[in-house]
């Protein structure tokens, strides 16, 4: 059955391009450690008066 699939020119081109999986990537190569910036300040503080800006409700979005 594999011989029939490889006789087709399109199938043989696909097999040449996608015939094998890429090399496996180690977990250590996928992650990167970066020092976090200092927290606090005015950007990190909670502002109850400004919290309505970030409120999301589907009913309000639809005008219900």
N, C-alpha and C. Protein backbone atom coordinates (compact mmCIF):
# COMPACT_ATOMS: atom_id res chain seq x y z
N UNK A 1 0.82 -1.19 0.00
CA UNK A 1 0.00 0.00 0.00
C UNK A 1 0.87 1.26 0.00
N UNK A 2 2.00 1.20 0.71
CA UNK A 2 2.89 2.36 0.72
C UNK A 2 3.53 2.59 -0.64
N UNK A 3 3.76 1.50 -1.38
CA UNK A 3 4.38 1.65 -2.70
C UNK A 3 3.46 2.40 -3.66
N UNK A 4 2.14 2.15 -3.54
CA UNK A 4 1.19 2.84 -4.40
C UNK A 4 1.12 4.32 -4.08
N UNK A 5 1.20 4.67 -2.81
CA UNK A 5 1.12 6.07 -2.41
C UNK A 5 2.35 6.84 -2.85
N UNK A 6 3.51 6.20 -2.91
CA UNK A 6 4.74 6.90 -3.28
C UNK A 6 4.92 7.01 -4.79
N UNK A 7 4.14 6.27 -5.57
CA UNK A 7 4.26 6.38 -7.02
C UNK A 7 3.60 7.65 -7.54
N UNK A 8 2.68 8.19 -6.81
CA UNK A 8 2.05 9.46 -7.19
C UNK A 8 3.06 10.59 -6.99
N UNK A 9 3.27 11.47 -7.98
CA UNK A 9 4.27 12.54 -7.82
C UNK A 9 3.95 13.49 -6.66
N UNK A 10 2.69 13.81 -6.46
CA UNK A 10 2.33 14.70 -5.36
C UNK A 10 2.58 14.03 -4.01
N UNK A 11 2.30 12.74 -3.94
CA UNK A 11 2.52 12.01 -2.69
C UNK A 11 4.00 11.88 -2.39
N UNK A 12 4.81 11.65 -3.42
CA UNK A 12 6.25 11.55 -3.17
C UNK A 12 6.84 12.90 -2.79
N UNK A 13 6.30 14.00 -3.32
CA UNK A 13 6.77 15.33 -2.93
C UNK A 13 6.40 15.63 -1.48
N UNK A 14 5.19 15.24 -1.09
CA UNK A 14 4.78 15.43 0.31
C UNK A 14 5.65 14.60 1.24
N UNK A 15 5.95 13.38 0.83
CA UNK A 15 6.78 12.51 1.67
C UNK A 15 8.20 13.06 1.79
N UNK A 16 8.71 13.64 0.72
CA UNK A 16 10.05 14.23 0.78
C UNK A 16 10.07 15.44 1.68
N UNK A 17 8.98 16.19 1.70
CA UNK A 17 8.96 17.41 2.51
C UNK A 17 8.58 17.13 3.95
N UNK A 18 7.59 16.27 4.18
CA UNK A 18 7.07 16.04 5.53
C UNK A 18 7.30 14.61 6.01
N UNK A 19 8.22 13.89 5.43
CA UNK A 19 8.40 12.47 5.73
C UNK A 19 8.88 12.17 7.13
N UNK A 20 9.59 13.08 7.76
CA UNK A 20 10.10 12.80 9.10
C UNK A 20 9.79 13.97 10.03
N UNK A 21 9.74 13.67 11.31
CA UNK A 21 9.48 14.69 12.31
C UNK A 21 10.75 15.49 12.59
N UNK A 22 10.61 16.74 13.00
CA UNK A 22 11.81 17.53 13.32
C UNK A 22 12.49 17.01 14.58
N UNK A 23 13.69 17.47 14.80
CA UNK A 23 14.45 17.06 15.99
C UNK A 23 13.72 17.50 17.25
N UNK A 24 13.85 16.70 18.28
CA UNK A 24 13.20 17.01 19.55
C UNK A 24 13.94 18.15 20.25
N UNK A 25 13.17 19.10 20.82
CA UNK A 25 13.74 20.25 21.52
C UNK A 25 13.72 19.96 23.01
N UNK A 26 14.86 20.17 23.66
CA UNK A 26 14.93 19.95 25.10
C UNK A 26 14.16 21.03 25.84
N UNK A 27 13.66 20.72 27.03
CA UNK A 27 12.92 21.67 27.83
C UNK A 27 13.78 22.86 28.22
N UNK A 28 15.05 22.61 28.48
CA UNK A 28 15.95 23.69 28.88
C UNK A 28 16.12 24.71 27.75
N UNK A 29 16.00 24.26 26.51
CA UNK A 29 16.12 25.17 25.38
C UNK A 29 14.84 25.98 25.14
N UNK A 30 13.71 25.51 25.69
CA UNK A 30 12.45 26.20 25.49
C UNK A 30 12.18 27.28 26.53
N UNK A 31 12.86 27.23 27.65
CA UNK A 31 12.59 28.18 28.73
C UNK A 31 13.74 29.17 28.85
N UNK A 32 13.40 30.31 29.41
CA UNK A 32 14.40 31.36 29.61
C UNK A 32 14.11 32.02 30.95
N UNK A 33 15.13 32.17 31.76
CA UNK A 33 14.96 32.82 33.05
C UNK A 33 15.31 34.29 32.91
N UNK A 34 14.38 35.15 33.37
CA UNK A 34 14.57 36.59 33.30
C UNK A 34 14.21 37.16 34.66
N UNK A 35 15.04 38.06 35.15
CA UNK A 35 14.73 38.70 36.42
C UNK A 35 13.51 39.61 36.25
N UNK A 36 12.58 39.49 37.18
CA UNK A 36 11.39 40.33 37.14
C UNK A 36 11.73 41.72 37.65
N UNK A 37 10.99 42.69 37.14
CA UNK A 37 11.19 44.06 37.59
C UNK A 37 10.62 44.24 38.99
N UNK A 38 10.99 45.34 39.61
CA UNK A 38 10.50 45.60 40.96
C UNK A 38 9.01 45.92 40.91
N UNK A 39 8.26 45.30 41.81
CA UNK A 39 6.83 45.56 41.89
C UNK A 39 6.55 46.78 42.74
N UNK A 40 5.29 47.13 42.80
CA UNK A 40 4.91 48.27 43.62
C UNK A 40 4.79 49.53 42.80
N UNK A 41 4.62 50.63 43.48
CA UNK A 41 4.48 51.90 42.80
C UNK A 41 3.03 52.17 42.43
N UNK A 42 2.80 53.20 41.67
CA UNK A 42 1.43 53.57 41.34
C UNK A 42 0.81 52.61 40.33
N UNK A 43 1.61 51.97 39.47
CA UNK A 43 1.05 51.08 38.47
C UNK A 43 0.53 49.78 39.10
N UNK A 44 1.09 49.35 40.21
CA UNK A 44 0.70 48.09 40.82
C UNK A 44 -0.34 48.27 41.91
N UNK A 45 -0.68 49.49 42.28
CA UNK A 45 -1.64 49.68 43.36
C UNK A 45 -3.07 49.53 42.85
N UNK A 46 -3.97 49.15 43.73
CA UNK A 46 -5.37 48.95 43.39
C UNK A 46 -6.11 50.27 43.49
N UNK A 47 -6.85 50.60 42.46
CA UNK A 47 -7.63 51.84 42.43
C UNK A 47 -9.10 51.46 42.29
N UNK A 48 -9.88 51.49 43.38
CA UNK A 48 -11.28 51.07 43.28
C UNK A 48 -12.12 52.00 42.40
N UNK A 49 -11.77 53.28 42.30
CA UNK A 49 -12.55 54.19 41.46
C UNK A 49 -12.32 53.94 39.98
N UNK A 50 -11.15 53.44 39.63
CA UNK A 50 -10.85 53.18 38.24
C UNK A 50 -11.11 51.74 37.82
N UNK A 51 -11.61 50.90 38.72
CA UNK A 51 -11.80 49.50 38.38
C UNK A 51 -12.96 49.28 37.41
N UNK A 52 -13.87 50.22 37.28
CA UNK A 52 -14.98 50.06 36.35
C UNK A 52 -14.50 50.06 34.90
N UNK A 53 -13.34 50.59 34.64
CA UNK A 53 -12.81 50.63 33.27
C UNK A 53 -12.50 49.24 32.75
N UNK A 54 -12.19 48.31 33.64
CA UNK A 54 -11.77 46.98 33.25
C UNK A 54 -12.85 45.95 33.50
N UNK A 55 -14.06 46.37 33.82
CA UNK A 55 -15.16 45.46 34.09
C UNK A 55 -15.74 44.99 32.78
N UNK A 56 -15.94 43.71 32.63
CA UNK A 56 -16.50 43.17 31.42
C UNK A 56 -17.69 42.29 31.77
N UNK A 57 -18.80 42.55 31.12
CA UNK A 57 -20.01 41.77 31.35
C UNK A 57 -20.71 41.60 30.02
N UNK A 58 -21.05 40.39 29.65
CA UNK A 58 -21.68 40.12 28.37
C UNK A 58 -23.04 40.81 28.29
N UNK A 59 -23.78 40.83 29.38
CA UNK A 59 -25.08 41.50 29.39
C UNK A 59 -24.96 42.98 29.10
N UNK A 60 -23.97 43.62 29.70
CA UNK A 60 -23.76 45.04 29.43
C UNK A 60 -23.27 45.29 28.01
N UNK A 61 -22.43 44.39 27.51
CA UNK A 61 -21.93 44.54 26.14
C UNK A 61 -23.06 44.41 25.13
N UNK A 62 -24.04 43.58 25.41
CA UNK A 62 -25.16 43.39 24.49
C UNK A 62 -26.25 44.43 24.72
N UNK A 63 -26.14 45.22 25.75
CA UNK A 63 -27.15 46.25 26.04
C UNK A 63 -28.38 45.72 26.71
N UNK A 64 -28.25 44.65 27.45
CA UNK A 64 -29.40 44.04 28.14
C UNK A 64 -29.64 44.68 29.48
